[in-house]
Amino acid sequence: MPSLQWKTTALAVALLQLITLSMEAVESSSSSSLSALDRIHQLPGQPQVSYQQFSGYVTVDVKKQKALFYYFVEAESDPASKPLVLWLNGGPGCSSLGVGAFSENGPFRPSGKALVRNEYSWNREANMLYLETPIGVGFSYSSDSSSYVAVNDKITGMDNLIFLHKWFVKFPQYRNTSLFITGESYAGHYVPQLAELMLQFNKKDKLFNLKGIALGNPVLEFATDFNSRAEFFWSHGLISDLTYKFFTSTCNYSRYVSEYYRGSVSPTCSKVMSLVSRETSRFVDKYDVTLDVCISSVLSQSKVLSPQQVTETVDVCVEDETVSYLNRRDVQNALHAHLVGVNRWLVCSNVLDYEFLDLEIPTISIVGKLIKAGIPVLVYSGDQDSVVPLTGSRTLVRGLAEELGLKTTVPYRVWFAGMQVGGWTQVYGDILSFATIRGASHEAPFSQPERSLVLFKAFLEGKPLPEGIDPSSDIFHRIQMKYVDDDEGINKFFAAFHLHDKFPHTVIIDDFGDLFDERNCQQRYNNPRGRDLAMVRILALCHNAIIHANETGPCKVLLSDTHHGDSPRLLFIYKRWISSIYTIKGDGSGSFLLKNNIYSGSALSQRMRTAKYSIALQYLVLEGITEDGE
């Protein structure tokens, strides 16, 4: 027999379906004007961008005037072809605007009074929608203060469903777009629960084109997730052998949290947790045990996920910039945001009274239902997080795969982000994936933005994570778009080229001759011959890439002035190792002259080629050829 909670949820979904027709009746005439009202013309201190941003409110309960605040960023390019991604932060009670958008994977991060670009923003791959939920978080509010009391997962899920339904009224152009829901921490509850409601809604009125969910360091099953903390502490040297024994046998972490939220911590658990807290030290951040304590305030989520730290001061070194920025009147005006019932915007709500015992609701079973319905699921873990450690998540994913009869389709292996190991991954039945992000914290996109973006892109595309080093990775594209004229940049390329026989693009190092002629360069690296050979190898690869460009047309290349005279030493290198080299000088009008030096014994001939390089489009086309001899 269906439970009371199920009946209540089903009734709410039915009521939502009843209002669909009335909402759609006005949609065609008002949707464009509704979204236009929410358009952000420019945030204070924001760099110029080509994509649009929107923010504002969606009322989810007219009677109580419950309004959820959102921030929406279109994809950097071709938003109509990119998926829509809803991002939810956890807590419960922490802001997806301040944490997700402005600290993790959004397009900007506050820096002083301005915003700086986040080059690993997830809107490179998707249209990003950030929702401050539940009511009472951030700029989201209700005119009825009772809306902040006894808030639970069920209420939050329904509010989120109604929000998304009404948001599509404002933005109907995204209704048929592929939709993904992502989030971290307590969003391990929010995301699966919302996805389940969507599937229920779609049975009668297919509105949500749900294509997958991704969960970062998520709370999925209270006991397994929380009790894995003991092993993490012990294996990382944060607690002693004896304390580990107490923490796993006398009083484990899930027991302590359960007692804490019921208001009756036993003397036994109190003693064990005091011992654990003393040994782990409040000067080690539990959300990333490798970092010093002064890191992003997104770690203020510890107020709910780490109750033993409630008397400790939450680190606010970086949080201050986000809080200061979002509390500026001009910023709030630009966001169409206002404060109701609170004096300041906070990263995590101090007015929300959440039913923390909902922590004990196992959402891993809901994840199983989603998989049975054909919805792909990714669970990923920053491997330096001790709050919801990877070991618990990995255990839960493996157990779910066994329960569903899913066979391993990608065995446990490393995956790569550019030139480095990004983490480890395993896939079951091509529908349930687990991945770690190497060196990442609880908020993986904050601490490892590049690796997180690689993971995110593969997830959206439904592709396996890269199995090997990617010679066309973003690190090369970024460096190619500027002169490589410093030791750090050059060293990166040395490391890269030594790992590859071929490279599809070319980089010619600025002031190549000067670099070789400087004796201090030789002294600094103590091995001039090895460095010479590395440089020669780079030039050979450049030569091959330019020939390729001449044969096939456009080729992504960045060229820089490299020819400063042929010293005897350089000529020896050229003759000994390379038969044909291109050097280049710009003509100051957007074109470059490429000089092809062909050495044959003591003879030297030159071919001149005109190359037009488009800075805007970042490609090179080789054109005319003239020859002369010297």
Foldseek 3Di string as FASTA:
>chain_A
DDDPLVVVLLVLLVVLVVCLVVLVVCLVPCQQVLQVVFWQPDFFQEDDADWTKGKDWDQLDPVQRWIKIKIKTAARPDSLQAFEEEEEEPLPFFFCCLPVQAQFAHQWHFDPQHTDGDPLHLSPHHTYMTIQDDAQAFQTHTNDLCVQAADELSNGLSSVLSRVSVVCSNVVSNQQGEYEYEYEEQCLSNVLSNVVSLVSSCVVPNRHNYAAYEYELYLFAQPLQQQCLLVVCVVVVQADPVLSVCCNPVPDRSNQLVCVLVPHGDPSNVVSVVRSPVSNDPQAQQQFRVDGQQDDQVSVSCCQLVVVCVVPDRHHNRVVRSQVNCFDPSSCVSSVGDHDPDDGGDRGGPSHHYSSVSSNVRNLVSVLVCVVVVHAYEYEYACRHSSRHPVSVVVSLVVSLVVVVWAKPAPWAFADQAQGTQWIKTDTNLRYIYTYGYSAGSSRSNGPVRSVSQVVNCVSVSHDGHRHHDLVHPVVVVPQLDAQADPVSVVVVLVSLVVDPAHQEAHDHAQQVVCLPDVVNCVVVVCSVVVLVSNLSRQVNNVVNVVVCAVPPKGQGRAYAHDDDQDPVNVCSCVVRHQWGWGWDDPPPQKIWIWIWGDDPPFTWIKIWIWGADSVVRIIGIDDIDTDGD
